């Protein structure tokens, strides 16, 4: 009978049909110790940084003219064994994709270039930009650019 190396005395006792105390005593006698799983770590800056407020733009309200609210998201595309990332900005009123960018890297430049493409195509800036709480939307460069352009940032709840 083979056991997984992470089994502790409780699971071994259940598998063998013996008591937990006996399983623990025998494991101690023969020096059998399960390996401990490593805890997932998070970067400290992620724990400190607060996301932008959720402005409830999507549910219950509708923009009354174009270029008031842009929503953004990205996805990955698998092509010939590689991943490519597509970031888009969509006008919430017209449901038209106003800016997009494709890259083989998933980083803040992907999102910033998609926003700049939207600005280049429309020639005007939105009042509000809505996205999720991804690291590329919550980075300092993205937030600082939106603040510099007087664009209100909204982020969805997790």
Protein backbone atom coordinates (compact mmCIF):
# COMPACT_ATOMS: atom_id res chain seq x y z
CA UNK A 1 0.00 0.00 0.00
CA UNK A 2 1.55 3.32 -1.09
CA UNK A 3 0.94 6.58 0.69
CA UNK A 4 1.39 10.11 -0.46
CA UNK A 5 4.47 11.70 1.15
CA UNK A 6 2.33 14.52 2.56
CA UNK A 7 0.09 12.15 4.56
CA UNK A 8 0.14 12.84 8.27
CA UNK A 9 -0.78 10.55 11.12
CA UNK A 10 -4.53 11.13 10.69
CA UNK A 11 -4.68 10.09 7.03
CA UNK A 12 -2.35 7.14 7.57
CA UNK A 13 -4.53 5.98 10.48
CA UNK A 14 -7.63 6.17 8.30
CA UNK A 15 -5.93 4.33 5.42
CA UNK A 16 -4.63 1.53 7.68
CA UNK A 17 -7.70 1.35 9.90
CA UNK A 18 -5.76 1.97 13.11
CA UNK A 19 -5.94 4.66 15.77
CA UNK A 20 -4.37 8.09 15.37
CA UNK A 21 -2.25 7.71 18.49
CA UNK A 22 -0.78 4.44 17.28
CA UNK A 23 -0.03 5.86 13.84
CA UNK A 24 1.68 8.88 15.41
CA UNK A 25 3.69 6.67 17.79
CA UNK A 26 4.94 4.41 14.95
CA UNK A 27 5.75 7.42 12.71
CA UNK A 28 7.77 8.96 15.56
CA UNK A 29 9.57 5.68 16.25
CA UNK A 30 10.72 5.31 12.62
CA UNK A 31 11.28 9.03 11.98
CA UNK A 32 8.54 9.33 9.35
CA UNK A 33 7.56 12.94 8.82
CA UNK A 34 5.25 14.29 6.14
CA UNK A 35 6.59 17.16 4.12
CA UNK A 36 4.89 20.45 4.80
CA UNK A 37 3.29 22.37 2.00
CA UNK A 38 4.69 25.82 1.46
CA UNK A 39 2.36 28.71 2.12
CA UNK A 40 1.51 30.93 -0.80
CA UNK A 41 3.31 34.23 -0.49
CA UNK A 42 2.17 37.64 -1.57
CA UNK A 43 4.14 40.72 -2.28
CA UNK A 44 3.89 43.28 0.47
CA UNK A 45 3.05 46.05 -1.96
CA UNK A 46 -0.04 44.12 -3.06
CA UNK A 47 -1.27 43.98 0.51
CA UNK A 48 -0.69 47.70 1.07
CA UNK A 49 -2.15 49.07 -2.15
CA UNK A 50 -5.84 49.84 -2.00
CA UNK A 51 -7.83 49.46 -5.23
CA UNK A 52 -9.77 52.34 -6.71
CA UNK A 53 -13.38 52.54 -5.57
CA UNK A 54 -16.12 50.64 -7.36
CA UNK A 55 -18.39 53.29 -8.88
CA UNK A 56 -21.28 50.94 -9.79
CA UNK A 57 -21.09 51.98 -13.45
CA UNK A 58 -22.10 48.72 -15.02
CA UNK A 59 -25.20 47.67 -13.09
CA UNK A 60 -28.17 49.96 -12.69
CA UNK A 61 -26.93 52.92 -14.70
CA UNK A 62 -26.24 53.62 -18.34
CA UNK A 63 -24.08 56.36 -19.87
CA UNK A 64 -26.08 58.92 -21.84
CA UNK A 65 -23.48 59.73 -24.49
CA UNK A 66 -20.28 58.29 -25.98
CA UNK A 67 -16.86 58.69 -24.35
CA UNK A 68 -18.14 59.04 -20.80
CA UNK A 69 -17.07 55.59 -19.64
CA UNK A 70 -14.57 53.15 -21.07
CA UNK A 71 -14.28 49.65 -19.70
CA UNK A 72 -11.16 47.57 -20.03
CA UNK A 73 -10.09 43.97 -19.81
CA UNK A 74 -7.59 41.64 -21.38
CA UNK A 75 -7.46 38.02 -22.38
CA UNK A 76 -4.87 35.57 -23.60
CA UNK A 77 -4.88 33.82 -26.94
CA UNK A 78 -3.04 30.58 -27.59
CA UNK A 79 -1.43 30.46 -31.03
CA UNK A 80 1.04 27.80 -32.20
CA UNK A 81 1.93 26.80 -28.65
CA UNK A 82 2.57 30.36 -27.45
CA UNK A 83 0.40 32.77 -25.50
CA UNK A 84 -0.41 36.24 -26.74
CA UNK A 85 -2.27 38.80 -24.69
CA UNK A 86 -4.99 41.10 -26.00
CA UNK A 87 -6.03 44.19 -24.04
CA UNK A 88 -9.09 46.17 -25.09
CA UNK A 89 -10.86 49.37 -24.12
CA UNK A 90 -14.56 49.52 -24.96
CA UNK A 91 -16.91 52.51 -24.90
CA UNK A 92 -19.75 51.55 -22.58
CA UNK A 93 -22.35 53.61 -24.49
CA UNK A 94 -21.67 52.40 -28.03
CA UNK A 95 -20.23 48.98 -27.05
CA UNK A 96 -17.49 49.64 -29.59
CA UNK A 97 -13.88 48.64 -28.99
CA UNK A 98 -12.06 51.96 -29.14
CA UNK A 99 -8.52 50.76 -28.43
CA UNK A 100 -6.63 47.51 -28.34
CA UNK A 101 -3.13 46.12 -28.16
CA UNK A 102 -1.58 42.67 -28.61
CA UNK A 103 1.65 41.62 -26.92
CA UNK A 104 3.48 38.45 -26.00
CA UNK A 105 3.97 39.85 -22.50
CA UNK A 106 1.39 40.42 -19.82
CA UNK A 107 2.41 43.75 -18.30
CA UNK A 108 1.38 47.37 -17.80
CA UNK A 109 2.64 48.46 -21.23
CA UNK A 110 0.01 46.21 -22.80
CA UNK A 111 -2.79 48.11 -21.07
CA UNK A 112 -1.22 51.57 -21.46
CA UNK A 113 -0.70 51.06 -25.20
CA UNK A 114 -4.31 49.89 -25.57
CA UNK A 115 -5.50 53.06 -23.79
CA UNK A 116 -3.31 55.25 -25.99
CA UNK A 117 -4.70 53.48 -29.07
CA UNK A 118 -8.22 54.33 -27.88
CA UNK A 119 -7.27 57.96 -27.36
CA UNK A 120 -5.66 58.07 -30.81
CA UNK A 121 -8.74 56.53 -32.46
CA UNK A 122 -11.35 58.64 -30.66
CA UNK A 123 -9.37 61.84 -30.23
CA UNK A 124 -10.99 62.47 -26.86
CA UNK A 125 -10.58 61.17 -23.34
CA UNK A 126 -13.27 59.45 -21.27
CA UNK A 127 -14.46 60.77 -17.92
CA UNK A 128 -14.21 57.35 -16.25
CA UNK A 129 -12.26 54.15 -16.87
CA UNK A 130 -13.50 50.90 -15.31
CA UNK A 131 -11.51 47.66 -14.97
CA UNK A 132 -10.82 44.77 -12.64
CA UNK A 133 -8.19 44.81 -9.90
CA UNK A 134 -5.44 43.22 -11.97
CA UNK A 135 -1.84 44.18 -11.28
CA UNK A 136 -1.57 45.98 -14.63
CA UNK A 137 -4.54 48.22 -13.74
CA UNK A 138 -3.45 48.75 -10.15
CA UNK A 139 0.14 49.78 -10.93
CA UNK A 140 1.47 53.25 -10.19
CA UNK A 141 2.08 54.20 -13.83
CA UNK A 142 -1.50 53.44 -14.88
CA UNK A 143 -3.04 55.22 -11.88
CA UNK A 144 -0.73 58.22 -12.25
CA UNK A 145 -1.54 58.56 -15.96
CA UNK A 146 -5.27 58.48 -15.26
CA UNK A 147 -4.89 61.05 -12.47
CA UNK A 148 -2.75 63.27 -14.70
CA UNK A 149 -5.43 63.16 -17.43
CA UNK A 150 -8.22 63.82 -14.86
CA UNK A 151 -9.87 60.49 -15.55
CA UNK A 152 -11.73 58.85 -12.70
CA UNK A 153 -10.66 55.24 -12.11
CA UNK A 154 -13.15 52.57 -11.05
CA UNK A 155 -12.28 48.98 -10.21
CA UNK A 156 -14.62 46.05 -9.73
CA UNK A 157 -14.76 44.20 -6.45
CA UNK A 158 -13.01 40.85 -6.22
